[in-house]
């Protein structure tokens, strides 16, 4: 044969799915979306080579550049093959190399796997127990990546639920076939009762596709305070005055406790000498 690929004649890629049409992504030249093959003319004659795909003749999934080469003896050039699958799954094809004045074309197999970036959540609602003011509580939320590619994520809408809430991280990347635990913190600084949502936005790690998945995560929380009204007898200025009491006699004073809060409260009295 008048030419020889310097790489193996089979290669495969695992890349995110892309919407049609792929030509606008060619300029991006993402290293995860193309392979380079060195074509070497090992014959003593000049040769002209034309490249095409065996099945993808409309260039829906694959692109190659340049489509033709003219090589002098012992000269080499690089053929670049891009893969831009438009759906999930495995896409197989072959590159056909037609050499002028050689009746036998050479083919070598190519393969790519299209992956849709996606995260699986263990739950979509975080319900904090009712919390007394100035207490803290945290909840865990797990993101699981079941795909063979890393997936990027970010949380938006945190400003809608107030300053009492915070996150361990507001963005990150979950590696292939792994999971990440996000901590959501609630610090009760004022009385509130809230039922709102934050948003999880998912994209491919290179952000070629933009946001491909949105999940709303509902936050339910309540913070309350102990509101107790203590009423003393009139004219006592906030104390119980028994005055002079004869030995063996009994004197009584009354004070009232009023719970002005939403929930029951416990109380106890102790006498200090």
C-alpha atoms as a PDB file:
ATOM      1  CA  UNK A   1       0.000   0.000   0.000  1.00  0.00           C
ATOM      2  CA  UNK A   2       1.289   3.498  -0.731  1.00  0.00           C
ATOM      3  CA  UNK A   3       0.409   4.860   2.762  1.00  0.00           C
ATOM      4  CA  UNK A   4       0.310   3.693   6.349  1.00  0.00           C
ATOM      5  CA  UNK A   5      -1.544   5.075   9.398  1.00  0.00           C
ATOM      6  CA  UNK A   6       0.919   5.559  12.229  1.00  0.00           C
ATOM      7  CA  UNK A   7      -1.749   4.691  14.839  1.00  0.00           C
ATOM      8  CA  UNK A   8      -3.821   1.612  15.404  1.00  0.00           C
ATOM      9  CA  UNK A   9      -6.624   1.250  12.910  1.00  0.00           C
ATOM     10  CA  UNK A  10      -9.272   1.301  15.651  1.00  0.00           C
ATOM     11  CA  UNK A  11     -10.073   4.081  18.104  1.00  0.00           C
ATOM     12  CA  UNK A  12     -13.006   5.050  20.259  1.00  0.00           C
ATOM     13  CA  UNK A  13     -14.199   8.172  22.090  1.00  0.00           C
ATOM     14  CA  UNK A  14     -16.647   8.798  24.908  1.00  0.00           C
ATOM     15  CA  UNK A  15     -18.074  12.300  24.593  1.00  0.00           C
ATOM     16  CA  UNK A  16     -21.199  14.291  25.535  1.00  0.00           C
ATOM     17  CA  UNK A  17     -24.147  14.232  23.156  1.00  0.00           C
ATOM     18  CA  UNK A  18     -24.442  17.369  21.043  1.00  0.00           C
ATOM     19  CA  UNK A  19     -27.430  18.837  19.225  1.00  0.00           C
ATOM     20  CA  UNK A  20     -27.157  19.141  15.441  1.00  0.00           C
ATOM     21  CA  UNK A  21     -25.337  20.472  13.609  1.00  0.00           C
ATOM     22  CA  UNK A  22     -21.749  19.646  14.666  1.00  0.00           C
ATOM     23  CA  UNK A  23     -19.932  22.051  12.316  1.00  0.00           C
ATOM     24  CA  UNK A  24     -20.253  24.940  14.755  1.00  0.00           C
ATOM     25  CA  UNK A  25     -18.390  22.896  17.376  1.00  0.00           C
ATOM     26  CA  UNK A  26     -15.448  22.134  15.162  1.00  0.00           C
ATOM     27  CA  UNK A  27     -13.752  25.428  16.017  1.00  0.00           C
ATOM     28  CA  UNK A  28     -13.868  24.536  19.697  1.00  0.00           C
ATOM     29  CA  UNK A  29     -11.345  21.750  19.106  1.00  0.00           C
ATOM     30  CA  UNK A  30     -12.054  20.068  22.405  1.00  0.00           C
ATOM     31  CA  UNK A  31      -9.398  17.402  23.052  1.00  0.00           C
ATOM     32  CA  UNK A  32     -12.097  14.975  24.132  1.00  0.00           C
ATOM     33  CA  UNK A  33     -13.878  15.186  20.789  1.00  0.00           C
ATOM     34  CA  UNK A  34     -11.189  14.393  18.238  1.00  0.00           C
ATOM     35  CA  UNK A  35      -8.357  12.066  17.398  1.00  0.00           C
ATOM     36  CA  UNK A  36      -5.352  12.698  15.161  1.00  0.00           C
ATOM     37  CA  UNK A  37      -4.008  10.040  12.808  1.00  0.00           C
ATOM     38  CA  UNK A  38      -0.676  10.383  11.028  1.00  0.00           C
ATOM     39  CA  UNK A  39      -0.745   9.240   7.404  1.00  0.00           C
ATOM     40  CA  UNK A  40       2.675   8.252   6.036  1.00  0.00           C
ATOM     41  CA  UNK A  41       3.509   7.502   2.399  1.00  0.00           C
ATOM     42  CA  UNK A  42       5.906   4.556   2.523  1.00  0.00           C
ATOM     43  CA  UNK A  43       5.959   4.030  -1.231  1.00  0.00           C
ATOM     44  CA  UNK A  44       8.521   5.492  -3.699  1.00  0.00           C
ATOM     45  CA  UNK A  45       5.705   7.252  -5.621  1.00  0.00           C
ATOM     46  CA  UNK A  46       3.530  10.282  -5.025  1.00  0.00           C
ATOM     47  CA  UNK A  47       0.046   9.336  -3.935  1.00  0.00           C
ATOM     48  CA  UNK A  48      -3.312  11.068  -3.756  1.00  0.00           C
ATOM     49  CA  UNK A  49      -5.690   9.966  -0.995  1.00  0.00           C
ATOM     50  CA  UNK A  50      -9.379  10.698  -0.503  1.00  0.00           C
ATOM     51  CA  UNK A  51     -11.075  10.069   2.846  1.00  0.00           C
ATOM     52  CA  UNK A  52     -14.760   9.442   3.547  1.00  0.00           C
ATOM     53  CA  UNK A  53     -16.959   7.553   5.975  1.00  0.00           C
ATOM     54  CA  UNK A  54     -18.465   4.218   5.103  1.00  0.00           C
ATOM     55  CA  UNK A  55     -21.893   4.994   6.608  1.00  0.00           C
ATOM     56  CA  UNK A  56     -21.969   8.581   7.885  1.00  0.00           C
ATOM     57  CA  UNK A  57     -21.748  10.127   4.417  1.00  0.00           C
ATOM     58  CA  UNK A  58     -23.805  13.158   5.552  1.00  0.00           C
ATOM     59  CA  UNK A  59     -21.370  13.865   8.407  1.00  0.00           C
ATOM     60  CA  UNK A  60     -24.066  13.703  11.078  1.00  0.00           C
ATOM     61  CA  UNK A  61     -21.834  12.187  13.765  1.00  0.00           C
ATOM     62  CA  UNK A  62     -18.290  12.380  12.402  1.00  0.00           C
ATOM     63  CA  UNK A  63     -16.146  14.982  10.642  1.00  0.00           C
ATOM     64  CA  UNK A  64     -12.677  14.642   9.166  1.00  0.00           C
ATOM     65  CA  UNK A  65     -10.123  17.122   7.923  1.00  0.00           C
ATOM     66  CA  UNK A  66      -8.585  17.285   5.390  1.00  0.00           C
ATOM     67  CA  UNK A  67     -10.806  15.195   3.099  1.00  0.00           C
ATOM     68  CA  UNK A  68      -7.929  14.728   0.610  1.00  0.00           C
ATOM     69  CA  UNK A  69      -4.114  14.517   0.762  1.00  0.00           C
ATOM     70  CA  UNK A  70      -1.270  14.432  -1.719  1.00  0.00           C
ATOM     71  CA  UNK A  71       1.866  12.872  -0.235  1.00  0.00           C
ATOM     72  CA  UNK A  72       5.331  12.636  -1.658  1.00  0.00           C
ATOM     73  CA  UNK A  73       7.462   9.576  -0.836  1.00  0.00           C
ATOM     74  CA  UNK A  74       8.156   9.362   2.926  1.00  0.00           C
ATOM     75  CA  UNK A  75       6.003  12.439   3.534  1.00  0.00           C
ATOM     76  CA  UNK A  76       3.427  12.404   6.311  1.00  0.00           C
ATOM     77  CA  UNK A  77       0.348  14.481   7.154  1.00  0.00           C
ATOM     78  CA  UNK A  78      -2.189  14.461   9.956  1.00  0.00           C
ATOM     79  CA  UNK A  79      -5.790  13.442   9.515  1.00  0.00           C
ATOM     80  CA  UNK A  80      -8.113  14.788  12.241  1.00  0.00           C
ATOM     81  CA  UNK A  81     -11.368  13.020  13.018  1.00  0.00           C
ATOM     82  CA  UNK A  82     -14.062  14.692  15.158  1.00  0.00           C
ATOM     83  CA  UNK A  83     -16.892  12.825  16.847  1.00  0.00           C
ATOM     84  CA  UNK A  84     -20.096  14.672  17.781  1.00  0.00           C
ATOM     85  CA  UNK A  85     -22.856  12.161  18.572  1.00  0.00           C
ATOM     86  CA  UNK A  86     -26.334  13.695  18.682  1.00  0.00           C
ATOM     87  CA  UNK A  87     -27.794  11.047  20.995  1.00  0.00           C
ATOM     88  CA  UNK A  88     -26.905   8.568  23.693  1.00  0.00           C
ATOM     89  CA  UNK A  89     -25.364   5.239  22.712  1.00  0.00           C
ATOM     90  CA  UNK A  90     -22.536   3.787  20.661  1.00  0.00           C
ATOM     91  CA  UNK A  91     -21.932   5.002  17.086  1.00  0.00           C
ATOM     92  CA  UNK A  92     -19.689   2.824  14.923  1.00  0.00           C
ATOM     93  CA  UNK A  93     -18.370   3.562  11.464  1.00  0.00           C
ATOM     94  CA  UNK A  94     -15.269   3.149   9.314  1.00  0.00           C
ATOM     95  CA  UNK A  95     -13.005   5.625   7.550  1.00  0.00           C
ATOM     96  CA  UNK A  96     -12.521   4.653   3.922  1.00  0.00           C
ATOM     97  CA  UNK A  97      -9.198   5.687   2.379  1.00  0.00           C
ATOM     98  CA  UNK A  98      -9.219   5.658  -1.431  1.00  0.00           C
ATOM     99  CA  UNK A  99      -5.795   5.863  -3.037  1.00  0.00           C
ATOM    100  CA  UNK A 100      -5.472   6.950  -6.632  1.00  0.00           C
ATOM    101  CA  UNK A 101      -4.482   4.092  -8.922  1.00  0.00           C
ATOM    102  CA  UNK A 102      -4.934   1.595  -6.114  1.00  0.00           C
ATOM    103  CA  UNK A 103      -8.100  -0.468  -6.648  1.00  0.00           C
ATOM    104  CA  UNK A 104      -8.292  -1.634  -3.043  1.00  0.00           C
ATOM    105  CA  UNK A 105      -9.491   0.988  -0.531  1.00  0.00           C
ATOM    106  CA  UNK A 106      -8.248   0.784   3.032  1.00  0.00           C
ATOM    107  CA  UNK A 107     -10.702   1.030   5.923  1.00  0.00           C
ATOM    108  CA  UNK A 108     -10.272   1.299   9.636  1.00  0.00           C
ATOM    109  CA  UNK A 109     -12.929   1.198  12.283  1.00  0.00           C
ATOM    110  CA  UNK A 110     -13.918   4.145  14.459  1.00  0.00           C
ATOM    111  CA  UNK A 111     -16.326   4.238  17.364  1.00  0.00           C
ATOM    112  CA  UNK A 112     -17.723   6.814  19.798  1.00  0.00           C
ATOM    113  CA  UNK A 113     -20.125   6.682  22.695  1.00  0.00           C
ATOM    114  CA  UNK A 114     -22.574   9.528  23.178  1.00  0.00           C
ATOM    115  CA  UNK A 115     -23.318  10.362  26.803  1.00  0.00           C
ATOM    116  CA  UNK A 116     -26.024  12.662  28.141  1.00  0.00           C
ATOM    117  CA  UNK A 117     -24.701  14.461  31.255  1.00  0.00           C
ATOM    118  CA  UNK A 118     -27.078  13.714  34.105  1.00  0.00           C
ATOM    119  CA  UNK A 119     -27.098  13.509  37.889  1.00  0.00           C
ATOM    120  CA  UNK A 120     -29.346  11.362  40.044  1.00  0.00           C
ATOM    121  CA  UNK A 121     -30.505  12.882  43.347  1.00  0.00           C
ATOM    122  CA  UNK A 122     -31.278  10.797  46.413  1.00  0.00           C
ATOM    123  CA  UNK A 123     -34.140  13.213  47.220  1.00  0.00           C
ATOM    124  CA  UNK A 124     -35.624  16.488  46.022  1.00  0.00           C
ATOM    125  CA  UNK A 125     -36.894  17.823  49.337  1.00  0.00           C
ATOM    126  CA  UNK A 126     -34.949  18.858  52.434  1.00  0.00           C
ATOM    127  CA  UNK A 127     -37.179  19.179  55.469  1.00  0.00           C
ATOM    128  CA  UNK A 128     -35.540  20.719  58.530  1.00  0.00           C
ATOM    129  CA  UNK A 129     -37.151  20.069  61.890  1.00  0.00           C
ATOM    130  CA  UNK A 130     -38.545  23.110  63.677  1.00  0.00           C
ATOM    131  CA  UNK A 131     -35.515  24.775  65.168  1.00  0.00           C
ATOM    132  CA  UNK A 132     -35.154  27.000  68.213  1.00  0.00           C
ATOM    133  CA  UNK A 133     -33.493  30.333  67.538  1.00  0.00           C
ATOM    134  CA  UNK A 134     -29.666  30.337  67.459  1.00  0.00           C
ATOM    135  CA  UNK A 135     -29.508  26.583  66.886  1.00  0.00           C
ATOM    136  CA  UNK A 136     -27.961  24.931  63.811  1.00  0.00           C
ATOM    137  CA  UNK A 137     -28.904  21.956  61.678  1.00  0.00           C
ATOM    138  CA  UNK A 138     -27.575  20.411  58.458  1.00  0.00           C
ATOM    139  CA  UNK A 139     -28.956  18.080  55.827  1.00  0.00           C
ATOM    140  CA  UNK A 140     -27.134  15.953  53.244  1.00  0.00           C
ATOM    141  CA  UNK A 141     -28.021  15.757  49.561  1.00  0.00           C
ATOM    142  CA  UNK A 142     -26.285  13.191  47.343  1.00  0.00           C
ATOM    143  CA  UNK A 143     -25.594  13.676  43.615  1.00  0.00           C
ATOM    144  CA  UNK A 144     -24.821  10.419  41.802  1.00  0.00           C
ATOM    145  CA  UNK A 145     -23.178  10.344  38.370  1.00  0.00           C
ATOM    146  CA  UNK A 146     -23.983   7.069  36.606  1.00  0.00           C
ATOM    147  CA  UNK A 147     -22.321   8.110  33.328  1.00  0.00           C
ATOM    148  CA  UNK A 148     -18.751   7.451  32.070  1.00  0.00           C
ATOM    149  CA  UNK A 149     -18.016  11.210  31.859  1.00  0.00           C
ATOM    150  CA  UNK A 150     -17.554  13.872  34.562  1.00  0.00           C
ATOM    151  CA  UNK A 151     -20.601  16.086  35.087  1.00  0.00           C
ATOM    152  CA  UNK A 152     -20.579  19.721  36.262  1.00  0.00           C
ATOM    153  CA  UNK A 153     -23.201  21.173  38.590  1.00  0.00           C
ATOM    154  CA  UNK A 154     -24.095  24.444  40.275  1.00  0.00           C
ATOM    155  CA  UNK A 155     -26.769  25.626  42.723  1.00  0.00           C
ATOM    156  CA  UNK A 156     -28.774  28.771  41.976  1.00  0.00           C
ATOM    157  CA  UNK A 157     -31.564  30.516  43.832  1.00  0.00           C
ATOM    158  CA  UNK A 158     -29.940  30.410  47.251  1.00  0.00           C
ATOM    159  CA  UNK A 159     -30.678  34.123  47.649  1.00  0.00           C
ATOM    160  CA  UNK A 160     -34.396  33.328  47.544  1.00  0.00           C
ATOM    161  CA  UNK A 161     -34.343  31.398  50.827  1.00  0.00           C
ATOM    162  CA  UNK A 162     -32.384  33.919  52.878  1.00  0.00           C
ATOM    163  CA  UNK A 163     -29.137  34.309  54.781  1.00  0.00           C
ATOM    164  CA  UNK A 164     -29.990  31.630  57.328  1.00  0.00           C
ATOM    165  CA  UNK A 165     -29.083  28.971  54.742  1.00  0.00           C
ATOM    166  CA  UNK A 166     -25.660  28.091  53.362  1.00  0.00           C
ATOM    167  CA  UNK A 167     -23.992  25.304  51.350  1.00  0.00           C
ATOM    168  CA  UNK A 168     -20.755  23.369  51.638  1.00  0.00           C
ATOM    169  CA  UNK A 169     -20.228  24.224  47.919  1.00  0.00           C
ATOM    170  CA  UNK A 170     -22.321  25.979  45.311  1.00  0.00           C
ATOM    171  CA  UNK A 171     -20.700  24.364  42.260  1.00  0.00           C
ATOM    172  CA  UNK A 172     -18.432  21.490  41.356  1.00  0.00           C
ATOM    173  CA  UNK A 173     -17.809  18.419  39.204  1.00  0.00           C
ATOM    174  CA  UNK A 174     -18.895  14.849  39.938  1.00  0.00           C
ATOM    175  CA  UNK A 175     -16.449  12.399  38.400  1.00  0.00           C
ATOM    176  CA  UNK A 176     -17.575   9.443  36.287  1.00  0.00           C
ATOM    177  CA  UNK A 177     -19.394   6.694  38.188  1.00  0.00           C
ATOM    178  CA  UNK A 178     -19.088   8.487  41.512  1.00  0.00           C
ATOM    179  CA  UNK A 179     -21.193  10.602  43.856  1.00  0.00           C
ATOM    180  CA  UNK A 180     -20.912  13.825  45.797  1.00  0.00           C
ATOM    181  CA  UNK A 181     -22.473  14.803  49.121  1.00  0.00           C
ATOM    182  CA  UNK A 182     -23.716  18.387  49.368  1.00  0.00           C
ATOM    183  CA  UNK A 183     -24.280  19.770  52.864  1.00  0.00           C
ATOM    184  CA  UNK A 184     -27.081  22.307  53.362  1.00  0.00           C
ATOM    185  CA  UNK A 185     -26.846  24.294  56.604  1.00  0.00           C
ATOM    186  CA  UNK A 186     -29.666  26.077  58.433  1.00  0.00           C
ATOM    187  CA  UNK A 187     -28.853  28.535  61.233  1.00  0.00           C
ATOM    188  CA  UNK A 188     -31.944  29.966  62.898  1.00  0.00           C
ATOM    189  CA  UNK A 189     -31.233  33.647  63.477  1.00  0.00           C
ATOM    190  CA  UNK A 190     -34.841  34.848  63.377  1.00  0.00           C
ATOM    191  CA  UNK A 191     -38.311  33.379  63.512  1.00  0.00           C
ATOM    192  CA  UNK A 192     -39.444  32.135  60.095  1.00  0.00           C
ATOM    193  CA  UNK A 193     -41.473  29.511  58.329  1.00  0.00           C
ATOM    194  CA  UNK A 194     -40.267  28.874  54.808  1.00  0.00           C
ATOM    195  CA  UNK A 195     -41.146  26.585  51.915  1.00  0.00           C
ATOM    196  CA  UNK A 196     -39.123  27.564  48.870  1.00  0.00           C
ATOM    197  CA  UNK A 197     -36.878  25.951  46.287  1.00  0.00           C
ATOM    198  CA  UNK A 198     -33.296  26.163  45.112  1.00  0.00           C
ATOM    199  CA  UNK A 199     -32.229  24.922  41.690  1.00  0.00           C
ATOM    200  CA  UNK A 200     -29.645  22.365  40.633  1.00  0.00           C
ATOM    201  CA  UNK A 201     -28.230  23.059  37.157  1.00  0.00           C
ATOM    202  CA  UNK A 202     -26.299  20.277  35.408  1.00  0.00           C
ATOM    203  CA  UNK A 203     -23.980  20.589  32.400  1.00  0.00           C
ATOM    204  CA  UNK A 204     -21.101  18.752  30.778  1.00  0.00           C
ATOM    205  CA  UNK A 205     -17.737  19.393  32.402  1.00  0.00           C
ATOM    206  CA  UNK A 206     -16.474  21.413  29.416  1.00  0.00           C
ATOM    207  CA  UNK A 207     -19.690  23.474  29.275  1.00  0.00           C
ATOM    208  CA  UNK A 208     -20.088  22.874  25.560  1.00  0.00           C
ATOM    209  CA  UNK A 209     -23.786  22.089  25.820  1.00  0.00           C
ATOM    210  CA  UNK A 210     -24.750  24.539  28.544  1.00  0.00           C
ATOM    211  CA  UNK A 211     -27.407  23.477  31.040  1.00  0.00           C
ATOM    212  CA  UNK A 212     -28.843  20.069  30.147  1.00  0.00           C
ATOM    213  CA  UNK A 213     -30.697  19.195  33.360  1.00  0.00           C
ATOM    214  CA  UNK A 214     -32.547  21.259  35.957  1.00  0.00           C
ATOM    215  CA  UNK A 215     -33.849  19.938  39.261  1.00  0.00           C
ATOM    216  CA  UNK A 216     -35.808  21.954  41.816  1.00  0.00           C
ATOM    217  CA  UNK A 217     -34.928  21.115  45.415  1.00  0.00           C
ATOM    218  CA  UNK A 218     -37.569  22.157  47.911  1.00  0.00           C
ATOM    219  CA  UNK A 219     -36.426  23.580  51.255  1.00  0.00           C
ATOM    220  CA  UNK A 220     -38.855  23.398  54.197  1.00  0.00           C
ATOM    221  CA  UNK A 221     -37.749  24.951  57.478  1.00  0.00           C
ATOM    222  CA  UNK A 222     -39.132  26.671  60.555  1.00  0.00           C
ATOM    223  CA  UNK A 223     -37.370  28.675  63.246  1.00  0.00           C
ATOM    224  CA  UNK A 224     -39.170  29.683  66.411  1.00  0.00           C
ATOM    225  CA  UNK A 225     -38.497  31.448  69.682  1.00  0.00           C
ATOM    226  CA  UNK A 226     -39.681  30.805  73.239  1.00  0.00           C
ATOM    227  CA  UNK A 227     -42.117  33.606  74.095  1.00  0.00           C
ATOM    228  CA  UNK A 228     -43.127  33.526  77.757  1.00  0.00           C
ATOM    229  CA  UNK A 229     -45.017  36.299  79.549  1.00  0.00           C
ATOM    230  CA  UNK A 230     -44.658  36.357  83.358  1.00  0.00           C
ATOM    231  CA  UNK A 231     -47.141  38.531  85.238  1.00  0.00           C
ATOM    232  CA  UNK A 232     -46.528  39.580  88.852  1.00  0.00           C
ATOM    233  CA  UNK A 233     -49.081  41.058  91.271  1.00  0.00           C
ATOM    234  CA  UNK A 234     -49.674  44.759  90.843  1.00  0.00           C
ATOM    235  CA  UNK A 235     -47.351  47.063  92.681  1.00  0.00           C
ATOM    236  CA  UNK A 236     -44.686  44.451  93.321  1.00  0.00           C
ATOM    237  CA  UNK A 237     -42.261  45.749  90.676  1.00  0.00           C
ATOM    238  CA  UNK A 238     -41.455  42.328  89.301  1.00  0.00           C
ATOM    239  CA  UNK A 239     -41.078  40.486  92.607  1.00  0.00           C
ATOM    240  CA  UNK A 240     -43.139  38.607  95.158  1.00  0.00           C
ATOM    241  CA  UNK A 241     -43.322  40.474  98.440  1.00  0.00           C
ATOM    242  CA  UNK A 242     -44.744  38.446 101.350  1.00  0.00           C
ATOM    243  CA  UNK A 243     -44.142  41.065 104.029  1.00  0.00           C
ATOM    244  CA  UNK A 244     -44.091  40.003 107.677  1.00  0.00           C
ATOM    245  CA  UNK A 245     -45.625  36.605 108.292  1.00  0.00           C
ATOM    246  CA  UNK A 246     -46.248  35.113 111.735  1.00  0.00           C
ATOM    247  CA  UNK A 247     -44.610  31.824 112.562  1.00  0.00           C
ATOM    248  CA  UNK A 248     -46.756  28.854 111.531  1.00  0.00           C
ATOM    249  CA  UNK A 249     -48.953  31.098 109.376  1.00  0.00           C
ATOM    250  CA  UNK A 250     -49.252  30.704 105.585  1.00  0.00           C
ATOM    251  CA  UNK A 251     -49.017  33.476 103.014  1.00  0.00           C
ATOM    252  CA  UNK A 252     -49.631  33.213  99.294  1.00  0.00           C
ATOM    253  CA  UNK A 253     -48.737  35.294  96.274  1.00  0.00           C
ATOM    254  CA  UNK A 254     -49.690  34.501  92.686  1.00  0.00           C
ATOM    255  CA  UNK A 255     -47.921  35.016  89.412  1.00  0.00           C
ATOM    256  CA  UNK A 256     -49.098  33.889  85.994  1.00  0.00           C
ATOM    257  CA  UNK A 257     -47.145  32.327  83.100  1.00  0.00           C
ATOM    258  CA  UNK A 258     -48.495  32.815  79.584  1.00  0.00           C
ATOM    259  CA  UNK A 259     -47.044  30.958  76.611  1.00  0.00           C
ATOM    260  CA  UNK A 260     -47.252  33.358  73.661  1.00  0.00           C
ATOM    261  CA  UNK A 261     -45.397  31.036  71.299  1.00  0.00           C
ATOM    262  CA  UNK A 262     -46.635  28.378  68.875  1.00  0.00           C
ATOM    263  CA  UNK A 263     -45.350  25.350  70.756  1.00  0.00           C
ATOM    264  CA  UNK A 264     -45.483  23.948  74.264  1.00  0.00           C
ATOM    265  CA  UNK A 265     -42.668  24.891  76.601  1.00  0.00           C
ATOM    266  CA  UNK A 266     -41.489  23.294  79.817  1.00  0.00           C
ATOM    267  CA  UNK A 267     -40.683  25.175  83.013  1.00  0.00           C
ATOM    268  CA  UNK A 268     -39.462  24.534  86.549  1.00  0.00           C
ATOM    269  CA  UNK A 269     -38.896  26.635  89.686  1.00  0.00           C
ATOM    270  CA  UNK A 270     -36.046  26.453  92.119  1.00  0.00           C
ATOM    271  CA  UNK A 271     -35.500  28.354  95.379  1.00  0.00           C
ATOM    272  CA  UNK A 272     -32.103  29.861  96.006  1.00  0.00           C
ATOM    273  CA  UNK A 273     -31.071  30.741  99.556  1.00  0.00           C
END
